[in-house]
Amino acid sequence: MGEIVNLNRFRKRAERARAEALAETNRARFGRTKDEKAKDADAKERGTRDLDGRKLDPEAP
């Protein structure tokens, strides 16, 4: 005779494993470090500042 298995426990264990696999995928896809976020924000701010510095003055002759 086979081993007795609690089906609820088995189902919950399988669901946790699926959720953990999905979480790992999402961490790889969307996770960024604080340094990476800061670097992107600095680059965006620098680009905006450079663009604003090149604007022509509308009141200049």
N, C-alpha and C. Protein backbone atom coordinates (compact mmCIF):
# COMPACT_ATOMS: atom_id res chain seq x y z
N MET A 1 0.84 -1.18 0.00
CA MET A 1 0.00 0.00 0.00
C MET A 1 0.89 1.24 0.00
N GLY A 2 0.43 2.30 -0.66
CA GLY A 2 1.21 3.52 -0.80
C GLY A 2 1.18 4.40 0.43
N GLU A 3 1.96 5.41 0.40
CA GLU A 3 2.04 6.36 1.51
C GLU A 3 0.80 7.27 1.50
N ILE A 4 0.28 7.54 2.65
CA ILE A 4 -0.89 8.42 2.77
C ILE A 4 -0.42 9.86 2.64
N VAL A 5 -1.11 10.62 1.77
CA VAL A 5 -0.72 12.00 1.48
C VAL A 5 -1.89 12.91 1.79
N ASN A 6 -1.63 13.98 2.51
CA ASN A 6 -2.65 14.98 2.76
C ASN A 6 -2.73 15.86 1.52
N LEU A 7 -3.82 15.79 0.79
CA LEU A 7 -3.95 16.50 -0.48
C LEU A 7 -3.96 18.02 -0.30
N ASN A 8 -4.53 18.50 0.79
CA ASN A 8 -4.53 19.95 1.03
C ASN A 8 -3.10 20.46 1.22
N ARG A 9 -2.32 19.73 1.99
CA ARG A 9 -0.94 20.11 2.22
C ARG A 9 -0.15 20.08 0.91
N PHE A 10 -0.38 19.04 0.11
CA PHE A 10 0.30 18.91 -1.17
C PHE A 10 -0.08 20.07 -2.10
N ARG A 11 -1.37 20.41 -2.16
CA ARG A 11 -1.85 21.50 -3.01
C ARG A 11 -1.25 22.83 -2.58
N LYS A 12 -1.24 23.09 -1.28
CA LYS A 12 -0.68 24.35 -0.78
C LYS A 12 0.82 24.44 -1.05
N ARG A 13 1.53 23.33 -0.89
CA ARG A 13 2.97 23.31 -1.15
C ARG A 13 3.24 23.61 -2.63
N ALA A 14 2.45 23.01 -3.51
CA ALA A 14 2.62 23.24 -4.94
C ALA A 14 2.30 24.70 -5.29
N GLU A 15 1.27 25.27 -4.70
CA GLU A 15 0.91 26.66 -4.95
C GLU A 15 2.01 27.61 -4.47
N ARG A 16 2.59 27.33 -3.30
CA ARG A 16 3.70 28.15 -2.80
C ARG A 16 4.90 28.08 -3.74
N ALA A 17 5.17 26.90 -4.27
CA ALA A 17 6.30 26.74 -5.19
C ALA A 17 6.06 27.54 -6.47
N ARG A 18 4.83 27.51 -6.99
CA ARG A 18 4.50 28.30 -8.19
C ARG A 18 4.61 29.78 -7.90
N ALA A 19 4.13 30.22 -6.75
CA ALA A 19 4.20 31.64 -6.39
C ALA A 19 5.65 32.08 -6.23
N GLU A 20 6.48 31.25 -5.65
CA GLU A 20 7.89 31.59 -5.48
C GLU A 20 8.60 31.68 -6.83
N ALA A 21 8.26 30.78 -7.75
CA ALA A 21 8.86 30.82 -9.09
C ALA A 21 8.44 32.10 -9.81
N LEU A 22 7.19 32.50 -9.68
CA LEU A 22 6.72 33.74 -10.29
C LEU A 22 7.40 34.94 -9.66
N ALA A 23 7.56 34.92 -8.35
CA ALA A 23 8.24 36.02 -7.66
C ALA A 23 9.68 36.15 -8.11
N GLU A 24 10.35 35.03 -8.28
CA GLU A 24 11.75 35.05 -8.75
C GLU A 24 11.83 35.64 -10.15
N THR A 25 10.91 35.28 -11.01
CA THR A 25 10.87 35.83 -12.37
C THR A 25 10.64 37.34 -12.32
N ASN A 26 9.70 37.77 -11.50
CA ASN A 26 9.40 39.21 -11.40
C ASN A 26 10.56 39.98 -10.80
N ARG A 27 11.27 39.40 -9.85
CA ARG A 27 12.43 40.08 -9.28
C ARG A 27 13.50 40.29 -10.35
N ALA A 28 13.68 39.29 -11.19
CA ALA A 28 14.68 39.41 -12.26
C ALA A 28 14.23 40.42 -13.31
N ARG A 29 12.94 40.47 -13.58
CA ARG A 29 12.44 41.34 -14.64
C ARG A 29 12.32 42.79 -14.19
N PHE A 30 11.80 43.03 -12.99
CA PHE A 30 11.49 44.38 -12.56
C PHE A 30 12.39 44.92 -11.47
N GLY A 31 13.13 44.09 -10.81
CA GLY A 31 13.94 44.53 -9.68
C GLY A 31 15.14 45.33 -10.13
N ARG A 32 15.32 46.48 -9.53
CA ARG A 32 16.48 47.31 -9.81
C ARG A 32 17.01 47.81 -8.48
N THR A 33 18.31 47.98 -8.44
CA THR A 33 18.91 48.45 -7.20
C THR A 33 18.68 49.95 -7.05
N LYS A 34 18.90 50.43 -5.86
CA LYS A 34 18.74 51.85 -5.57
C LYS A 34 19.73 52.68 -6.41
N ASP A 35 20.94 52.16 -6.57
CA ASP A 35 21.95 52.86 -7.37
C ASP A 35 21.53 52.97 -8.83
N GLU A 36 20.94 51.90 -9.39
CA GLU A 36 20.49 51.95 -10.77
C GLU A 36 19.38 52.99 -10.95
N LYS A 37 18.45 53.03 -10.00
CA LYS A 37 17.37 54.02 -10.07
C LYS A 37 17.92 55.43 -9.97
N ALA A 38 18.88 55.66 -9.07
CA ALA A 38 19.47 56.98 -8.90
C ALA A 38 20.23 57.39 -10.16
N LYS A 39 20.95 56.46 -10.76
CA LYS A 39 21.71 56.75 -11.97
C LYS A 39 20.77 57.16 -13.11
N ASP A 40 19.65 56.45 -13.26
CA ASP A 40 18.67 56.80 -14.29
C ASP A 40 18.04 58.16 -14.03
N ALA A 41 17.73 58.45 -12.77
CA ALA A 41 17.14 59.75 -12.43
C ALA A 41 18.14 60.88 -12.71
N ASP A 42 19.41 60.66 -12.39
CA ASP A 42 20.44 61.68 -12.65
C ASP A 42 20.60 61.91 -14.15
N ALA A 43 20.59 60.85 -14.93
CA ALA A 43 20.73 60.99 -16.39
C ALA A 43 19.54 61.75 -16.97
N LYS A 44 18.35 61.46 -16.48
CA LYS A 44 17.15 62.15 -16.97
C LYS A 44 17.21 63.63 -16.60
N GLU A 45 17.61 63.93 -15.38
CA GLU A 45 17.69 65.33 -14.92
C GLU A 45 18.77 66.06 -15.71
N ARG A 46 19.90 65.43 -15.96
CA ARG A 46 20.98 66.05 -16.72
C ARG A 46 20.53 66.34 -18.15
N GLY A 47 19.81 65.41 -18.76
CA GLY A 47 19.29 65.61 -20.11
C GLY A 47 18.32 66.77 -20.19
N THR A 48 17.44 66.86 -19.22
CA THR A 48 16.48 67.96 -19.17
C THR A 48 17.20 69.29 -18.97
N ARG A 49 18.18 69.32 -18.10
CA ARG A 49 18.93 70.54 -17.84
C ARG A 49 19.71 70.98 -19.08
N ASP A 50 20.33 70.03 -19.77
CA ASP A 50 21.07 70.36 -20.99
C ASP A 50 20.13 70.89 -22.08
N LEU A 51 18.98 70.28 -22.21
CA LEU A 51 18.02 70.72 -23.21
C LEU A 51 17.51 72.12 -22.89
N ASP A 52 17.22 72.38 -21.63
CA ASP A 52 16.76 73.71 -21.23
C ASP A 52 17.85 74.76 -21.44
N GLY A 53 19.10 74.38 -21.30
CA GLY A 53 20.21 75.30 -21.48
C GLY A 53 20.41 75.67 -22.95
N ARG A 54 19.92 74.86 -23.85
CA ARG A 54 20.08 75.13 -25.28
C ARG A 54 18.89 75.89 -25.87
N LYS A 55 17.87 76.15 -25.10
CA LYS A 55 16.70 76.88 -25.61
C LYS A 55 17.10 78.29 -25.97
N LEU A 56 16.49 78.78 -27.03
CA LEU A 56 16.73 80.15 -27.46
C LEU A 56 15.86 81.09 -26.66
N ASP A 57 16.39 82.24 -26.35
CA ASP A 57 15.63 83.24 -25.61
C ASP A 57 14.65 83.91 -26.57
N PRO A 58 13.34 83.84 -26.32
CA PRO A 58 12.36 84.41 -27.26
C PRO A 58 12.43 85.94 -27.34
N GLU A 59 13.00 86.62 -26.37
CA GLU A 59 13.08 88.08 -26.39
C GLU A 59 14.39 88.59 -26.95
N ALA A 60 15.28 87.70 -27.36
CA ALA A 60 16.56 88.12 -27.93
C ALA A 60 16.34 88.62 -29.37
N PRO A 61 17.12 89.61 -29.80
CA PRO A 61 16.92 90.16 -31.16
C PRO A 61 17.30 89.22 -32.25
